[in-house]
N, C-alpha and C. Protein backbone atom coordinates (compact mmCIF):
# COMPACT_ATOMS: atom_id res chain seq x y z
N ALA A 1 37.25 35.21 -43.57
CA ALA A 1 38.13 34.45 -43.13
C ALA A 1 37.59 32.64 -43.23
N VAL A 2 38.75 31.83 -43.15
CA VAL A 2 38.51 30.37 -43.06
C VAL A 2 38.77 29.86 -41.89
N VAL A 3 37.93 29.22 -41.35
CA VAL A 3 38.21 28.39 -40.54
C VAL A 3 38.03 27.08 -40.24
N SER A 4 39.16 26.43 -39.54
CA SER A 4 39.54 24.84 -39.68
C SER A 4 38.80 24.22 -38.52
N PHE A 5 38.26 23.15 -38.88
CA PHE A 5 38.31 22.06 -37.16
C PHE A 5 39.30 20.84 -37.52
N VAL A 6 39.93 21.06 -36.23
CA VAL A 6 41.00 19.79 -36.52
C VAL A 6 40.50 18.59 -35.73
N GLU A 7 40.35 17.43 -36.00
CA GLU A 7 40.15 16.13 -35.42
C GLU A 7 40.44 15.91 -34.26
N ASP A 8 39.41 15.53 -33.39
CA ASP A 8 40.04 15.16 -32.05
C ASP A 8 40.50 16.38 -31.06
N GLU A 9 39.78 17.46 -31.72
CA GLU A 9 39.86 18.95 -30.59
C GLU A 9 38.27 19.04 -30.08
N PRO A 10 38.19 19.29 -28.93
CA PRO A 10 36.87 19.37 -28.95
C PRO A 10 36.19 20.42 -29.47
N PHE A 11 36.38 21.51 -29.78
CA PHE A 11 35.66 22.27 -30.86
C PHE A 11 36.88 23.49 -31.24
N THR A 12 36.05 24.07 -32.11
CA THR A 12 37.19 25.66 -32.78
C THR A 12 35.89 26.39 -32.65
N TYR A 13 36.78 28.09 -32.51
CA TYR A 13 35.80 29.08 -32.44
C TYR A 13 35.85 29.32 -33.47
N VAL A 14 34.53 30.17 -33.95
CA VAL A 14 34.02 30.24 -35.19
C VAL A 14 34.29 31.72 -36.22
N LEU A 15 34.03 32.65 -35.25
CA LEU A 15 34.77 33.97 -35.65
C LEU A 15 35.68 34.79 -35.02
N ALA A 16 36.70 35.42 -35.79
CA ALA A 16 37.57 35.96 -35.14
C ALA A 16 37.28 37.64 -34.57
N SER A 17 37.90 37.62 -33.31
CA SER A 17 37.64 38.95 -32.54
C SER A 17 37.90 40.12 -33.43
N SER A 18 38.02 40.29 -34.82
CA SER A 18 38.25 41.11 -35.48
C SER A 18 37.03 41.47 -36.24
N PHE A 19 36.02 40.35 -36.45
CA PHE A 19 34.83 40.68 -36.99
C PHE A 19 33.80 41.85 -36.47
N SER A 20 32.78 42.59 -37.31
CA SER A 20 31.86 43.40 -37.00
C SER A 20 30.42 43.41 -36.96
N ILE A 21 29.87 43.97 -36.30
CA ILE A 21 28.45 43.81 -36.23
C ILE A 21 28.03 45.55 -36.87
N VAL A 22 27.12 45.30 -37.86
CA VAL A 22 26.80 46.59 -38.14
C VAL A 22 25.15 46.76 -38.01
N ASP A 23 24.60 48.00 -37.43
CA ASP A 23 23.30 47.98 -37.37
C ASP A 23 22.89 49.27 -38.34
N VAL A 24 22.15 48.97 -39.21
CA VAL A 24 21.48 50.22 -40.19
C VAL A 24 21.18 51.23 -39.67
N ASP A 25 20.56 51.10 -38.64
CA ASP A 25 20.03 52.41 -37.75
C ASP A 25 20.79 52.51 -37.12
N VAL A 26 21.44 53.56 -37.32
CA VAL A 26 22.97 53.98 -36.51
C VAL A 26 22.84 54.68 -35.23
N ALA A 27 21.40 55.38 -35.14
CA ALA A 27 21.30 55.88 -33.96
C ALA A 27 20.99 54.94 -32.92
N PHE A 28 20.44 53.86 -33.03
CA PHE A 28 20.08 52.72 -32.28
C PHE A 28 21.30 51.69 -31.71
N ARG A 29 21.80 51.88 -30.53
CA ARG A 29 22.90 50.96 -30.33
C ARG A 29 22.57 49.44 -29.40
N PHE A 30 21.44 49.20 -29.60
CA PHE A 30 20.89 47.66 -28.90
C PHE A 30 20.31 46.42 -30.14
N LEU A 31 20.74 45.72 -29.83
CA LEU A 31 20.26 44.30 -30.61
C LEU A 31 19.21 43.71 -29.63
N TYR A 32 18.00 42.92 -30.27
CA TYR A 32 17.42 42.11 -29.49
C TYR A 32 17.25 40.84 -29.97
N SER A 33 18.15 40.30 -30.81
CA SER A 33 18.42 38.89 -31.24
C SER A 33 19.32 38.91 -32.11
N ALA A 34 19.94 37.49 -32.41
CA ALA A 34 20.64 36.85 -33.70
C ALA A 34 20.69 35.77 -33.77
N THR A 35 20.27 35.09 -35.59
CA THR A 35 20.77 34.08 -35.36
C THR A 35 21.52 33.38 -36.52
N LEU A 36 21.94 32.47 -36.20
CA LEU A 36 23.43 32.03 -36.66
C LEU A 36 22.94 30.56 -37.34
N THR A 37 23.07 30.47 -38.64
CA THR A 37 22.98 28.87 -39.17
C THR A 37 23.97 28.02 -39.74
N LEU A 38 23.95 26.99 -39.13
CA LEU A 38 25.32 26.33 -40.16
C LEU A 38 24.73 25.21 -40.63
N THR A 39 25.25 25.43 -42.03
CA THR A 39 24.38 24.49 -43.33
C THR A 39 25.77 23.45 -43.71
N GLY A 40 25.29 22.51 -44.19
CA GLY A 40 26.13 21.75 -45.20
C GLY A 40 26.20 20.42 -44.11
N ILE A 41 25.61 20.28 -43.18
CA ILE A 41 26.11 19.47 -42.21
C ILE A 41 25.94 18.04 -42.86
N ARG A 42 27.03 17.53 -42.45
CA ARG A 42 27.29 15.89 -43.03
C ARG A 42 27.54 15.00 -41.95
N ASP A 43 27.63 15.31 -40.42
CA ASP A 43 27.17 14.37 -39.81
C ASP A 43 26.33 14.58 -38.90
N ILE A 44 25.28 14.65 -39.19
CA ILE A 44 24.03 14.84 -38.60
C ILE A 44 24.10 14.20 -37.65
N SER A 45 23.59 14.87 -36.45
CA SER A 45 23.16 15.09 -34.77
C SER A 45 24.48 14.86 -33.88
N GLN A 46 25.50 15.30 -34.49
CA GLN A 46 26.97 15.17 -33.96
C GLN A 46 27.81 16.62 -34.66
N GLU A 47 27.00 17.61 -35.44
CA GLU A 47 27.67 18.76 -35.81
C GLU A 47 26.91 19.85 -35.13
N TYR A 48 27.26 20.90 -34.58
CA TYR A 48 25.95 22.00 -33.72
C TYR A 48 27.31 23.05 -33.82
N LEU A 49 26.56 24.28 -33.53
CA LEU A 49 27.36 25.34 -32.91
C LEU A 49 26.75 25.51 -31.14
N ALA A 50 27.46 26.20 -30.76
CA ALA A 50 27.25 26.36 -29.02
C ALA A 50 27.97 27.38 -28.38
N ILE A 51 27.38 27.89 -27.68
CA ILE A 51 27.99 29.47 -26.78
C ILE A 51 27.67 28.79 -25.15
N ASP A 52 28.61 28.97 -24.35
CA ASP A 52 28.85 28.65 -22.79
C ASP A 52 27.81 29.40 -22.19
N GLY A 53 27.22 29.30 -21.38
CA GLY A 53 26.02 30.23 -20.69
C GLY A 53 26.68 31.33 -20.02
N ASP A 54 28.11 31.02 -19.78
CA ASP A 54 28.93 32.02 -18.67
C ASP A 54 29.38 32.98 -19.78
N GLN A 55 29.09 33.29 -20.89
CA GLN A 55 29.50 34.23 -21.96
C GLN A 55 28.49 34.88 -22.38
N LEU A 56 27.13 34.93 -21.52
CA LEU A 56 26.17 35.89 -22.00
C LEU A 56 26.25 36.38 -21.20
N PRO A 57 25.71 38.18 -21.52
CA PRO A 57 25.95 39.23 -20.70
C PRO A 57 24.66 39.49 -19.60
N SER A 58 23.74 38.79 -19.58
CA SER A 58 22.84 38.67 -18.58
C SER A 58 22.20 37.34 -18.10
N PRO A 59 21.34 37.15 -17.04
CA PRO A 59 20.62 35.97 -17.14
C PRO A 59 19.56 35.91 -17.91
N SER A 60 19.11 36.94 -18.16
CA SER A 60 17.66 37.06 -19.27
C SER A 60 17.94 37.01 -20.55
N PHE A 61 19.17 36.68 -21.08
CA PHE A 61 19.92 36.77 -22.00
C PHE A 61 19.99 34.93 -22.37
N SER A 62 19.29 34.16 -23.63
CA SER A 62 18.96 33.34 -23.83
C SER A 62 19.64 32.82 -25.12
N VAL A 63 19.91 31.43 -25.11
CA VAL A 63 20.24 30.52 -26.35
C VAL A 63 19.33 29.46 -26.62
N GLN A 64 18.90 29.89 -27.91
CA GLN A 64 17.88 28.49 -28.56
C GLN A 64 18.61 27.49 -29.48
N THR A 65 18.58 26.70 -29.62
CA THR A 65 19.10 25.83 -30.46
C THR A 65 17.78 24.81 -31.29
N LYS A 66 17.97 24.42 -32.35
CA LYS A 66 17.42 23.52 -33.23
C LYS A 66 18.11 23.05 -34.77
N THR A 67 17.41 21.80 -34.90
CA THR A 67 18.34 20.97 -36.14
C THR A 67 17.00 21.54 -36.79
N ILE A 68 17.61 21.92 -38.49
CA ILE A 68 16.44 22.26 -39.56
C ILE A 68 16.77 21.31 -40.79
N ASN A 69 15.93 21.81 -41.43
CA ASN A 69 16.18 20.87 -43.27
C ASN A 69 16.66 19.47 -42.77
N ASN A 70 16.17 18.93 -42.22
CA ASN A 70 16.02 17.13 -41.79
C ASN A 70 17.37 16.82 -41.35
N GLY A 71 18.21 17.92 -40.72
CA GLY A 71 19.06 17.77 -39.72
C GLY A 71 20.74 18.07 -40.86
N THR A 72 20.36 18.71 -42.04
CA THR A 72 21.63 19.58 -42.70
C THR A 72 22.15 20.44 -42.05
N SER A 73 21.00 20.90 -41.52
CA SER A 73 21.39 22.36 -40.81
C SER A 73 21.01 22.86 -39.54
N PHE A 74 21.82 23.45 -38.67
CA PHE A 74 21.43 23.72 -37.06
C PHE A 74 21.46 25.45 -36.91
N GLU A 75 20.35 25.72 -36.05
CA GLU A 75 20.45 26.91 -36.01
C GLU A 75 20.76 27.24 -34.59
N LEU A 76 21.05 28.39 -34.34
CA LEU A 76 21.40 29.00 -32.93
C LEU A 76 21.18 30.40 -32.70
N SER A 77 20.13 30.72 -31.96
CA SER A 77 19.40 31.82 -31.40
C SER A 77 19.85 32.60 -30.92
N LEU A 78 20.35 34.12 -30.37
CA LEU A 78 20.39 34.41 -29.37
C LEU A 78 19.21 35.55 -29.01
N HIS A 79 18.46 35.36 -27.92
CA HIS A 79 17.75 36.79 -27.51
C HIS A 79 18.12 37.37 -26.26
N GLY A 80 17.70 38.66 -26.13
CA GLY A 80 18.16 39.44 -25.33
C GLY A 80 18.57 41.26 -25.41
N ASP A 81 17.92 42.40 -24.48
CA ASP A 81 18.44 43.54 -24.77
C ASP A 81 19.86 43.71 -24.75
N ALA A 82 20.86 44.04 -25.51
CA ALA A 82 22.05 44.24 -25.25
C ALA A 82 22.69 44.97 -26.46
N THR A 83 23.61 45.55 -25.90
CA THR A 83 24.46 46.69 -26.84
C THR A 83 25.10 45.76 -28.03
N ILE A 84 25.45 46.30 -28.76
CA ILE A 84 25.89 45.67 -30.41
C ILE A 84 27.44 45.19 -29.73
N ILE A 85 28.17 45.87 -28.82
CA ILE A 85 29.57 44.87 -28.20
C ILE A 85 28.95 43.85 -27.58
N MET A 86 28.16 44.12 -26.62
CA MET A 86 27.84 42.75 -25.96
C MET A 86 27.57 41.64 -26.90
N TYR A 87 26.59 42.03 -27.89
CA TYR A 87 26.50 40.60 -28.91
C TYR A 87 27.66 40.15 -29.30
N LYS A 88 28.51 41.22 -29.86
CA LYS A 88 29.92 40.78 -30.81
C LYS A 88 30.78 40.17 -29.44
N ASN A 89 30.66 40.18 -28.24
CA ASN A 89 31.40 39.86 -27.23
C ASN A 89 30.87 38.46 -27.13
N VAL A 90 29.63 38.36 -27.46
CA VAL A 90 29.41 36.77 -26.94
C VAL A 90 29.32 35.81 -28.38
N LEU A 91 29.25 36.38 -29.45
CA LEU A 91 29.85 35.69 -30.67
C LEU A 91 31.09 35.72 -30.96
N THR A 92 31.50 35.92 -29.99
CA THR A 92 33.31 35.61 -30.25
C THR A 92 33.39 34.24 -29.72
N ALA A 93 32.49 33.79 -28.90
CA ALA A 93 32.50 32.72 -27.98
C ALA A 93 31.90 31.83 -28.86
N LEU A 94 31.33 31.84 -29.62
CA LEU A 94 30.76 30.93 -30.72
C LEU A 94 31.68 29.81 -31.22
N LYS A 95 30.99 28.70 -30.85
CA LYS A 95 31.98 27.40 -31.07
C LYS A 95 31.19 26.34 -32.17
N TYR A 96 32.16 25.73 -33.08
CA TYR A 96 31.49 24.54 -33.62
C TYR A 96 32.31 23.65 -33.58
N VAL A 97 31.22 22.68 -33.11
CA VAL A 97 31.70 21.06 -32.17
C VAL A 97 31.23 19.78 -33.55
N ASN A 98 32.14 19.02 -33.05
CA ASN A 98 31.38 17.77 -34.11
C ASN A 98 32.28 16.49 -33.27
N THR A 99 31.35 15.87 -32.70
CA THR A 99 31.57 14.89 -31.62
C THR A 99 32.20 13.43 -32.18
N LEU A 100 32.26 13.52 -33.44
CA LEU A 100 32.54 12.49 -34.24
C LEU A 100 33.82 11.63 -33.93
N ALA A 101 34.57 10.94 -33.69
CA ALA A 101 35.68 10.65 -33.77
C ALA A 101 36.48 10.59 -35.05
N GLU A 102 35.99 10.22 -36.31
CA GLU A 102 36.21 10.57 -37.48
C GLU A 102 35.42 11.57 -38.25
N PRO A 103 35.14 12.64 -38.17
CA PRO A 103 34.58 13.29 -39.19
C PRO A 103 34.55 13.44 -40.27
N SER A 104 33.11 13.78 -41.14
CA SER A 104 33.04 13.82 -42.52
C SER A 104 33.91 14.84 -42.89
N VAL A 105 34.96 14.59 -44.33
CA VAL A 105 35.43 15.81 -44.58
C VAL A 105 34.50 16.76 -45.51
N GLY A 106 34.68 17.97 -45.44
CA GLY A 106 34.07 18.96 -46.60
C GLY A 106 33.50 20.37 -45.92
N ARG A 107 33.31 21.16 -46.67
CA ARG A 107 32.87 22.61 -46.08
C ARG A 107 31.40 22.63 -45.49
N ARG A 108 31.48 23.27 -44.43
CA ARG A 108 30.12 23.53 -43.77
C ARG A 108 29.36 24.47 -43.76
């Protein structure tokens, strides 16, 4: 699915609630981490991915972020023992943010 960011909006959600997570180890129903990367950043230090803390399933669950590749990519990592369903719920709250008043046009 294509996600569009609208200028002057504070953010846009990245994933549709219909997306799925598949673990190749069918008998194992827990995940320990997930990493998402935003590539092709044009507005360095103005574009990023975010998840509100109130969307996390437990206090031991953490979110770490960092800019990589000289600012042209942004990485968000989730850490914590949780069910696949809990991870899916967290990921549906994933937001793309661009704080520029006039964001650069192009695919990310």
